Protein backbone atom coordinates (compact mmCIF):
# COMPACT_ATOMS: atom_id res chain seq x y z
CA MET A 1 7.20 -1.74 -7.76
CA ARG A 2 4.12 -4.59 -7.51
CA ILE A 3 1.54 -2.78 -5.47
CA LEU A 4 -2.46 -4.11 -4.41
CA THR A 5 -4.42 -1.41 -4.00
CA ASP A 6 -6.90 -1.66 -1.06
CA GLU A 7 -10.55 -0.26 -1.80
CA THR A 8 -9.75 2.87 0.53
CA VAL A 9 -6.87 4.41 -2.55
CA ALA A 10 -8.42 6.49 -4.82
CA ASN A 11 -8.82 5.86 -8.42
CA SER A 12 -6.59 8.62 -9.05
CA THR A 13 -3.58 7.33 -6.45
CA ILE A 14 -3.91 4.57 -9.02
CA ALA A 15 -3.35 6.18 -12.00
CA LEU A 16 -0.67 8.09 -10.82
CA LEU A 17 1.25 5.00 -9.55
CA ARG A 18 0.84 3.47 -12.84
CA HIS A 19 2.07 6.80 -14.72
CA LEU A 20 5.25 6.56 -12.85
CA GLY A 21 5.52 3.04 -13.94
CA HIS A 22 4.55 0.62 -11.05
CA ASP A 23 2.80 -2.34 -11.51
CA VAL A 24 -0.92 -1.65 -9.94
CA ALA A 25 -3.76 -4.38 -9.21
CA ASP A 26 -6.63 -2.71 -7.29
CA VAL A 27 -8.93 -4.93 -5.39
CA ARG A 28 -11.88 -3.44 -6.98
CA GLU A 29 -10.37 -4.35 -10.42
CA VAL A 30 -9.95 -7.92 -9.58
CA GLY A 31 -13.18 -8.30 -8.11
CA LEU A 32 -12.30 -8.37 -4.09
CA GLY A 33 -13.94 -4.88 -3.50
CA GLY A 34 -15.20 -5.25 0.18
CA SER A 35 -13.20 -8.59 1.02
CA ALA A 36 -11.87 -8.85 4.15
CA ASP A 37 -8.64 -7.74 5.10
CA GLU A 38 -7.05 -11.50 5.29
CA ASP A 39 -7.81 -12.03 1.63
CA ILE A 40 -6.16 -8.86 0.30
CA ALA A 41 -3.13 -9.85 2.52
CA ALA A 42 -3.90 -13.40 1.09
CA LEU A 43 -3.65 -11.96 -2.96
CA ALA A 44 -0.85 -10.06 -2.55
CA LYS A 45 1.34 -12.51 -0.94
CA SER A 46 -0.11 -14.92 -3.64
CA GLU A 47 0.95 -12.07 -6.46
CA ARG A 48 3.82 -10.67 -4.60
CA ARG A 49 2.71 -7.47 -4.26
CA VAL A 50 2.71 -4.89 -1.65
CA VAL A 51 -0.55 -3.40 -0.60
CA ILE A 52 -1.20 0.37 -0.29
CA THR A 53 -4.14 1.46 2.05
CA HIS A 54 -5.47 4.18 4.38
CA ASP A 55 -6.85 1.25 6.43
CA LYS A 56 -4.48 1.10 9.96
CA GLY A 57 -5.72 -2.57 10.34
CA PHE A 58 -2.23 -3.29 8.03
CA GLY A 59 -0.04 -2.21 10.10
CA ASP A 60 -1.15 -4.24 13.04
CA LEU A 61 1.92 -6.67 13.41
CA LEU A 62 -0.02 -9.00 15.91
CA ARG A 63 -3.01 -9.31 13.07
CA PHE A 64 -0.75 -9.48 10.07
CA GLU A 65 2.21 -11.52 11.42
CA PRO A 66 5.77 -11.13 9.52
CA GLY A 67 5.37 -13.54 6.54
CA SER A 68 1.68 -13.03 6.03
CA HIS A 69 1.94 -10.20 3.43
CA CYS A 70 4.83 -9.14 1.22
CA GLY A 71 4.51 -6.01 2.44
CA ALA A 72 2.32 -2.78 3.45
CA ILE A 73 2.75 0.80 2.82
CA VAL A 74 0.07 2.52 5.35
CA LEU A 75 -0.56 5.79 4.55
CA ARG A 76 -1.51 7.59 7.71
CA LEU A 77 -2.65 11.42 6.69
CA ARG A 78 -4.15 14.19 8.82
CA LEU A 79 -6.49 14.98 5.75
CA PRO A 80 -6.54 11.92 3.55
CA THR A 81 -7.74 13.39 0.51
CA PRO A 82 -6.95 12.16 -3.03
CA ASP A 83 -4.38 15.05 -3.64
CA ALA A 84 -2.57 14.86 -0.14
CA THR A 85 -2.38 11.12 -0.69
CA ASN A 86 -0.88 11.60 -4.22
CA ALA A 87 1.72 14.48 -3.13
CA VAL A 88 2.92 12.23 -0.46
CA LEU A 89 2.89 8.57 -2.11
CA SER A 90 4.34 10.23 -4.91
CA THR A 91 7.59 11.58 -2.91
CA PHE A 92 8.07 8.41 -1.11
CA VAL A 93 7.45 6.16 -4.02
CA CYS A 94 10.20 8.53 -5.95
CA SER A 95 13.05 8.81 -3.26
CA VAL A 96 13.19 5.04 -2.45
CA PRO A 97 14.52 1.75 -4.71
CA ASP A 98 11.72 -0.20 -6.03
CA ASP A 99 11.94 -3.17 -4.21
CA TYR A 100 12.19 -0.98 -1.20
CA ALA A 101 8.93 -1.56 0.44
CA PHE A 102 8.75 -5.26 -0.26
CA GLY A 103 9.18 -6.92 3.34
CA ARG A 104 8.41 -4.61 4.86
CA LEU A 105 5.79 -2.55 7.00
CA ILE A 106 5.58 1.65 6.43
CA ILE A 107 3.97 3.72 8.39
CA LEU A 108 3.70 7.06 5.43
CA SER A 109 2.48 10.50 6.55
CA GLU A 110 2.74 14.40 5.36
CA ARG A 111 5.67 13.97 7.73
CA GLY A 112 8.18 11.20 6.39
CA PHE A 113 7.63 7.72 6.76
CA ARG A 114 8.81 4.60 9.97
CA SER A 115 9.82 1.81 8.18
CA ARG A 116 10.36 -1.53 10.00
CA LYS A 117 11.42 -5.52 8.55
CA LEU A 118 8.90 -7.82 8.66
């Protein structure tokens, strides 16, 4: 999966995703730390990457209409620690095909996930 992680995602999560074989770019590494969500979505779209974030703004379909990005995984954890994030995210990415998140909005929590085609 081609992924763009938002600055809300811990470095250990980025390392885990890379270890699992995913192509991960991070907004801090590409000079977009502190940028507006719209700029992050535009980069993700231009590079055909799925955004992974704890920012629920990416789940707002009025703000990010279908086609404004290539997909998003919004992490909605009760305690969004790096360890909890890594556990939930690794279970998810190992249980779905690599292209599953592309073109979808996925809300991921400890209880599972909801998915909506964009």
